[in-house]
């Protein structure tokens, strides 16, 4: 489940997840509810976004699938750049 397009821009799913995590630090289950995405898709996307250093675990211990996540500084920058490329000035 790629979170980056071939040109390096964020997919719609990745942008939705990063935007939700910009507002609050949450776990996969809550994130699925907030974004209305299937839980399996959220979990797969979280793994990939962590692998790209756009997200990190907010707590050091616990089940990987259920630990809260937060944006990294790189994730916040990529989200801002994505908005700028789309001409979206709302936050």
Protein backbone atom coordinates (compact mmCIF):
# COMPACT_ATOMS: atom_id res chain seq x y z
CA UNK A 1 0.00 0.00 0.00
CA UNK A 2 2.20 2.84 -1.23
CA UNK A 3 1.95 6.16 0.55
CA UNK A 4 4.05 8.02 -1.98
CA UNK A 5 3.25 8.49 -5.65
CA UNK A 6 5.96 7.72 -8.23
CA UNK A 7 6.75 11.45 -8.43
CA UNK A 8 7.39 11.56 -4.66
CA UNK A 9 4.18 13.32 -3.68
CA UNK A 10 1.84 12.00 -0.99
CA UNK A 11 -1.03 9.73 -1.92
CA UNK A 12 -4.51 10.81 -0.84
CA UNK A 13 -4.48 8.18 1.93
CA UNK A 14 -1.11 9.30 3.28
CA UNK A 15 -2.18 12.92 3.25
CA UNK A 16 -5.41 12.08 5.08
CA UNK A 17 -3.48 10.19 7.78
CA UNK A 18 -0.80 12.85 8.20
CA UNK A 19 -3.44 15.56 8.41
CA UNK A 20 -5.31 13.64 11.12
CA UNK A 21 -2.09 13.08 13.07
CA UNK A 22 -1.24 16.75 12.79
CA UNK A 23 -4.22 17.51 15.01
CA UNK A 24 -3.63 14.83 17.65
CA UNK A 25 -1.52 11.82 18.56
CA UNK A 26 -3.67 8.70 18.17
CA UNK A 27 -3.48 4.95 17.68
CA UNK A 28 -4.46 3.01 14.56
CA UNK A 29 -7.97 2.18 15.76
CA UNK A 30 -8.84 5.80 16.55
CA UNK A 31 -7.17 6.95 13.33
CA UNK A 32 -9.32 4.53 11.33
CA UNK A 33 -12.41 6.03 12.92
CA UNK A 34 -11.32 9.62 12.36
CA UNK A 35 -10.32 9.09 8.72
CA UNK A 36 -13.03 6.53 7.93
CA UNK A 37 -10.41 4.26 6.35
CA UNK A 38 -10.33 0.49 6.94
CA UNK A 39 -8.18 -0.50 9.91
CA UNK A 40 -5.99 -2.80 7.77
CA UNK A 41 -5.24 0.10 5.42
CA UNK A 42 -4.41 2.43 8.30
CA UNK A 43 -2.05 -0.10 9.87
CA UNK A 44 -0.28 -0.81 6.57
CA UNK A 45 0.04 2.91 5.83
CA UNK A 46 1.37 3.66 9.32
CA UNK A 47 4.11 1.07 8.83
CA UNK A 48 5.08 2.58 5.51
CA UNK A 49 4.97 6.17 6.78
CA UNK A 50 7.18 5.17 9.72
CA UNK A 51 9.57 3.59 7.23
CA UNK A 52 9.75 6.90 5.37
CA UNK A 53 10.43 8.73 8.69
CA UNK A 54 7.23 10.75 8.33
CA UNK A 55 5.74 9.28 11.53
CA UNK A 56 7.07 7.88 14.79
CA UNK A 57 5.69 6.08 17.80
CA UNK A 58 4.57 8.49 20.49
CA UNK A 59 5.13 5.93 23.25
CA UNK A 60 8.18 3.69 23.58
CA UNK A 61 6.39 0.44 24.54
CA UNK A 62 3.35 -1.51 23.53
CA UNK A 63 1.93 -3.43 20.60
CA UNK A 64 3.21 -1.93 17.35
CA UNK A 65 -0.23 -1.88 15.76
CA UNK A 66 -1.85 -0.12 18.67
CA UNK A 67 0.73 2.41 19.81
CA UNK A 68 -0.12 6.06 19.28
CA UNK A 69 1.70 7.77 16.41
CA UNK A 70 2.75 11.36 15.82
CA UNK A 71 4.22 13.35 12.97
CA UNK A 72 7.96 13.75 12.81
CA UNK A 73 9.39 17.14 11.82
CA UNK A 74 10.02 15.67 8.37
CA UNK A 75 6.41 14.49 8.21
CA UNK A 76 5.14 17.97 9.05
CA UNK A 77 7.39 19.47 6.39
CA UNK A 78 6.26 16.97 3.75
CA UNK A 79 2.61 17.65 4.61
CA UNK A 80 3.17 21.40 4.29
CA UNK A 81 4.93 20.92 0.94
CA UNK A 82 2.08 18.71 -0.26
CA UNK A 83 -0.40 21.43 0.59
CA UNK A 84 1.70 24.06 -1.16
CA UNK A 85 1.95 21.92 -4.30
CA UNK A 86 -1.82 21.46 -4.31
CA UNK A 87 -2.42 25.16 -3.69
CA UNK A 88 -4.14 24.27 -0.40
CA UNK A 89 -3.53 27.03 2.10
CA UNK A 90 -5.93 25.69 4.72
CA UNK A 91 -4.62 23.73 7.68
